[in-house]
Protein backbone atom coordinates (compact mmCIF):
# COMPACT_ATOMS: atom_id res chain seq x y z
CA LEU A 1 -9.44 6.17 14.90
CA ALA A 2 -8.28 3.51 12.35
CA VAL A 3 -11.60 3.85 10.48
CA GLU A 4 -10.51 5.67 7.97
CA ALA A 5 -7.50 3.04 7.64
CA GLY A 6 -9.15 -0.18 6.59
CA LEU A 7 -8.14 -1.22 10.91
CA GLY A 8 -8.43 -1.63 14.09
CA LEU A 9 -6.60 -1.34 17.00
CA VAL A 10 -5.07 -4.80 19.08
CA GLY A 11 -6.23 -3.72 22.61
CA HIS A 12 -4.88 -7.43 23.88
CA GLY A 13 -2.51 -8.23 26.68
CA ALA A 14 0.70 -10.04 24.99
CA GLN A 15 0.79 -14.22 24.85
CA GLN A 16 3.36 -15.02 26.37
CA GLY A 17 6.95 -14.92 24.77
CA GLY A 18 10.54 -15.11 24.35
CA GLY A 19 11.53 -11.86 27.24
CA ASP A 20 10.99 -7.90 26.67
CA VAL A 21 10.93 -6.19 23.44
CA HIS A 22 14.12 -5.08 22.70
CA ALA A 23 15.66 -3.58 19.22
CA GLY A 24 19.18 -4.35 18.58
CA GLY A 25 21.45 -5.13 15.75
CA ALA A 26 20.89 -3.45 12.06
CA GLY A 27 18.48 -4.60 8.90
CA PRO A 28 17.69 -3.34 5.68
CA VAL A 29 15.00 -0.83 7.90
CA HIS A 30 15.36 0.73 11.34
CA GLU A 31 12.81 -1.49 12.60
CA GLN A 32 15.25 -4.11 12.44
CA GLY A 33 17.26 -2.61 14.71
CA GLY A 34 18.97 0.49 16.88
CA THR A 35 21.29 1.57 13.61
CA PRO A 36 22.33 5.06 13.95
CA GLY A 37 20.23 7.19 12.56
CA GLY A 38 17.15 5.66 13.82
CA VAL A 39 14.74 7.79 15.81
CA SER A 40 14.06 7.40 19.60
CA ASP A 41 10.39 9.86 19.75
CA VAL A 42 7.68 10.03 17.31
CA SER A 43 8.59 13.51 17.36
CA GLN A 44 11.69 13.25 14.99
CA PHE A 45 9.62 11.74 12.37
CA LYS A 46 10.14 14.25 8.98
CA ASP A 47 6.70 12.96 7.62
CA VAL A 48 4.63 11.94 10.50
CA SER A 49 2.21 15.09 11.52
CA ALA A 50 0.89 16.49 14.50
CA THR A 51 -2.53 15.56 13.73
CA ALA A 52 -1.55 12.06 11.92
CA TRP A 53 -4.31 9.44 13.00
CA TYR A 54 -2.17 6.85 13.72
CA ARG A 55 0.39 9.54 15.23
CA ASP A 56 -0.40 8.13 18.99
CA ASN A 57 0.11 4.13 18.10
CA LEU A 58 3.45 5.28 16.67
CA ALA A 59 4.16 6.73 19.69
CA THR A 60 3.94 3.63 21.59
CA LEU A 61 6.30 1.74 18.81
CA VAL A 62 8.20 3.66 19.28
CA ARG A 63 8.94 3.96 22.29
CA LYS A 64 8.79 -0.31 22.92
CA GLY A 65 11.64 0.22 20.94
CA ILE A 66 9.74 -2.00 18.11
CA ILE A 67 9.65 0.68 15.92
CA THR A 68 12.61 3.30 14.81
CA GLY A 69 12.01 4.53 11.31
CA LYS A 70 14.30 3.88 7.90
CA GLY A 71 16.58 6.21 8.52
CA ASP A 72 17.00 10.31 7.51
CA GLY A 73 14.04 10.76 10.62
CA LYS A 74 11.52 9.30 8.30
CA PHE A 75 8.76 6.64 8.98
CA ASP A 76 7.32 6.47 5.48
CA PRO A 77 4.18 6.44 6.66
CA LEU A 78 2.14 5.47 2.88
CA GLY A 79 5.13 2.57 2.58
CA THR A 80 3.87 -0.83 2.29
CA VAL A 81 5.31 -3.28 4.42
CA THR A 82 6.82 -6.75 3.97
CA TYR A 83 6.04 -10.35 4.92
CA GLY A 84 10.14 -10.31 7.45
CA GLU A 85 8.82 -6.33 8.58
CA ALA A 86 5.20 -7.94 10.08
CA LEU A 87 6.37 -9.90 11.80
CA LYS A 88 8.87 -9.00 13.55
CA MET A 89 6.63 -6.01 14.68
CA VAL A 90 3.37 -7.84 15.41
CA LEU A 91 5.83 -10.41 17.50
CA GLU A 92 7.93 -8.28 18.93
CA SER A 93 4.60 -6.26 20.16
CA CYS A 94 3.30 -9.67 21.71
CA GLY A 95 6.40 -10.78 23.66
CA TYR A 96 8.95 -13.07 21.04
CA THR A 97 11.25 -12.22 20.15
CA ALA A 98 14.51 -13.15 17.37
CA ALA A 99 17.81 -12.67 16.18
CA LEU A 100 18.07 -11.00 13.48
CA GLY A 101 20.05 -12.12 10.62
CA THR A 102 21.84 -10.61 8.47
CA GLY A 103 20.89 -9.08 4.94
CA SER A 104 17.82 -9.55 3.06
CA ASN A 105 16.90 -13.20 5.51
CA TRP A 106 17.80 -10.17 8.49
CA ALA A 107 13.90 -11.95 9.43
CA ILE A 108 14.97 -14.94 9.09
CA ASN A 109 14.83 -15.92 13.31
CA TYR A 110 11.30 -14.26 12.94
CA LYS A 111 10.24 -16.53 10.45
CA ASN A 112 11.71 -19.96 12.52
CA LEU A 113 9.89 -18.92 15.78
CA ALA A 114 6.60 -17.59 13.43
CA VAL A 115 7.11 -21.73 12.04
CA SER A 116 8.12 -23.51 14.71
CA ARG A 117 4.90 -22.06 16.68
CA GLY A 118 2.83 -22.49 13.70
CA TRP A 119 1.23 -19.44 12.93
CA ILE A 120 2.94 -18.91 8.92
CA SER A 121 3.92 -21.84 6.46
CA SER A 122 7.53 -22.29 6.43
CA ASP A 123 7.22 -21.54 2.42
CA ILE A 124 6.59 -17.68 3.11
CA ASP A 125 8.67 -14.79 0.98
CA LEU A 126 10.08 -12.52 4.05
CA ASN A 127 10.60 -9.69 1.36
CA ALA A 128 7.41 -10.06 -0.38
CA ALA A 129 4.53 -7.39 0.50
CA ILE A 130 1.91 -9.39 3.11
CA SER A 131 -1.74 -9.15 2.69
CA ARG A 132 -4.76 -7.61 5.01
CA ASN A 133 -5.97 -11.16 5.27
CA ALA A 134 -1.89 -12.99 6.06
CA THR A 135 -2.04 -10.03 8.64
CA ALA A 136 -5.06 -10.89 10.53
CA GLU A 137 -4.25 -14.15 10.30
CA LEU A 138 -1.14 -13.96 11.27
CA THR A 139 -2.09 -11.32 14.27
CA ALA A 140 -4.84 -13.63 15.18
CA LYS A 141 -2.33 -16.48 15.62
CA VAL A 142 0.01 -14.87 17.78
CA LEU A 143 -2.79 -14.15 20.07
CA GLY A 144 -4.39 -17.63 20.15
CA VAL A 145 -7.73 -16.03 18.69
CA SER A 146 -9.13 -18.90 16.42
CA ALA A 147 -10.52 -17.94 13.10
CA VAL A 148 -14.14 -17.22 12.44
CA THR A 149 -16.51 -20.02 10.38
CA SER A 150 -19.66 -18.13 9.39
CA GLY A 151 -20.84 -15.12 10.03
CA SER A 152 -18.25 -12.82 8.43
CA PRO A 153 -18.86 -8.95 9.53
CA PHE A 154 -17.78 -7.23 5.93
CA ALA A 155 -19.55 -6.65 2.94
CA ASP A 156 -15.65 -7.97 0.84
CA GLU A 157 -13.30 -10.48 0.68
CA ALA A 158 -12.50 -10.87 4.48
CA ASN A 159 -11.11 -14.68 5.99
CA GLY A 160 -12.40 -15.59 9.29
CA TYR A 161 -9.01 -14.43 11.21
CA ALA A 162 -10.01 -11.00 10.26
CA ALA A 163 -13.58 -11.50 11.22
CA ALA A 164 -13.22 -12.86 14.60
CA LEU A 165 -10.16 -9.50 15.10
CA TYR A 166 -13.77 -7.07 14.54
CA TYR A 167 -15.32 -9.31 16.79
CA THR A 168 -12.53 -9.02 19.66
CA SER A 169 -12.85 -6.92 22.80
CA PRO A 170 -11.16 -4.70 22.41
CA GLN A 171 -11.83 -4.74 18.73
CA ILE A 172 -9.03 -4.68 16.61
CA PHE A 173 -10.41 -4.65 12.58
CA ALA A 174 -13.19 -2.44 12.74
CA GLY A 175 -12.90 -2.51 8.89
CA SER A 176 -13.92 0.92 6.51
CA PRO A 177 -16.82 2.76 6.44
CA ASN A 178 -19.13 1.16 3.17
CA PRO A 179 -20.14 3.79 1.02
CA ASN A 180 -22.96 1.80 -0.60
CA GLY A 181 -24.03 0.97 3.17
CA GLY A 182 -24.78 -1.72 5.27
CA LYS A 183 -21.23 -3.54 6.92
CA PRO A 184 -18.46 -2.26 6.67
CA LEU A 185 -15.54 -2.78 4.19
CA PHE A 186 -12.06 -4.89 5.01
CA LYS A 187 -10.44 -4.08 1.79
CA ASN A 188 -7.88 -7.51 1.01
CA SER A 189 -7.22 -6.35 -2.45
CA SER A 190 -5.64 -3.19 -0.81
CA PRO A 191 -1.45 -3.39 0.96
CA LEU A 192 -1.09 -3.58 4.10
CA LEU A 193 0.91 0.48 4.92
CA ARG A 194 2.80 0.85 8.02
CA GLN A 195 0.85 3.51 8.98
CA GLU A 196 -2.06 0.73 9.44
CA VAL A 197 0.12 -2.24 11.08
CA CYS A 198 0.56 0.72 13.53
CA ALA A 199 -2.87 0.39 14.48
CA VAL A 200 -3.22 -3.53 14.43
CA ILE A 201 0.00 -4.05 16.34
CA SER A 202 0.61 -0.96 18.91
CA LYS A 203 -1.75 -2.32 21.50
CA ASN A 204 -0.59 -6.09 21.54
CA ARG A 205 1.87 -5.40 24.46
CA THR A 206 0.38 -2.96 27.52
């Protein structure tokens, strides 16, 4: 399903976590909580077509309260994903929750949780765009998947965590078709888009 986006689907069950997924409080984008105007059904998004490849994945996240949009009925599928947004979505999809901070530090408690578990470094910038390699590393560590040290399935740059998530069953990172044939492309030099992160996290928690 997500081949054209360069990402596959997550099909792992949740690891032991801090309780059920919930949404509450307010942040700079409405994924951070039940801000007035957030959607409760994927059909309410004005910028998500009925045939969008990620629609089913997004519907799952909306139903769980992990994503409620960016306000005014918009999802912003082509927007980039910040480290803070990725932390909240990945952690919540695996059953972990944290209290929301305020302002630019709205995701600080998700960061602190991830740092305390050894999933990320303490020097990450919550408001910076997250790379595909960093997303793969975060997802793999939260799921307890070890990095692959050799034999990458991708033709281009991809770290061992991305490779490991290619080999999971169900497959998490499928990659994109290589126009030159051979191994698929991971495309780490391309930004991670909001529509793509849906494919990564939609089935973390079943």
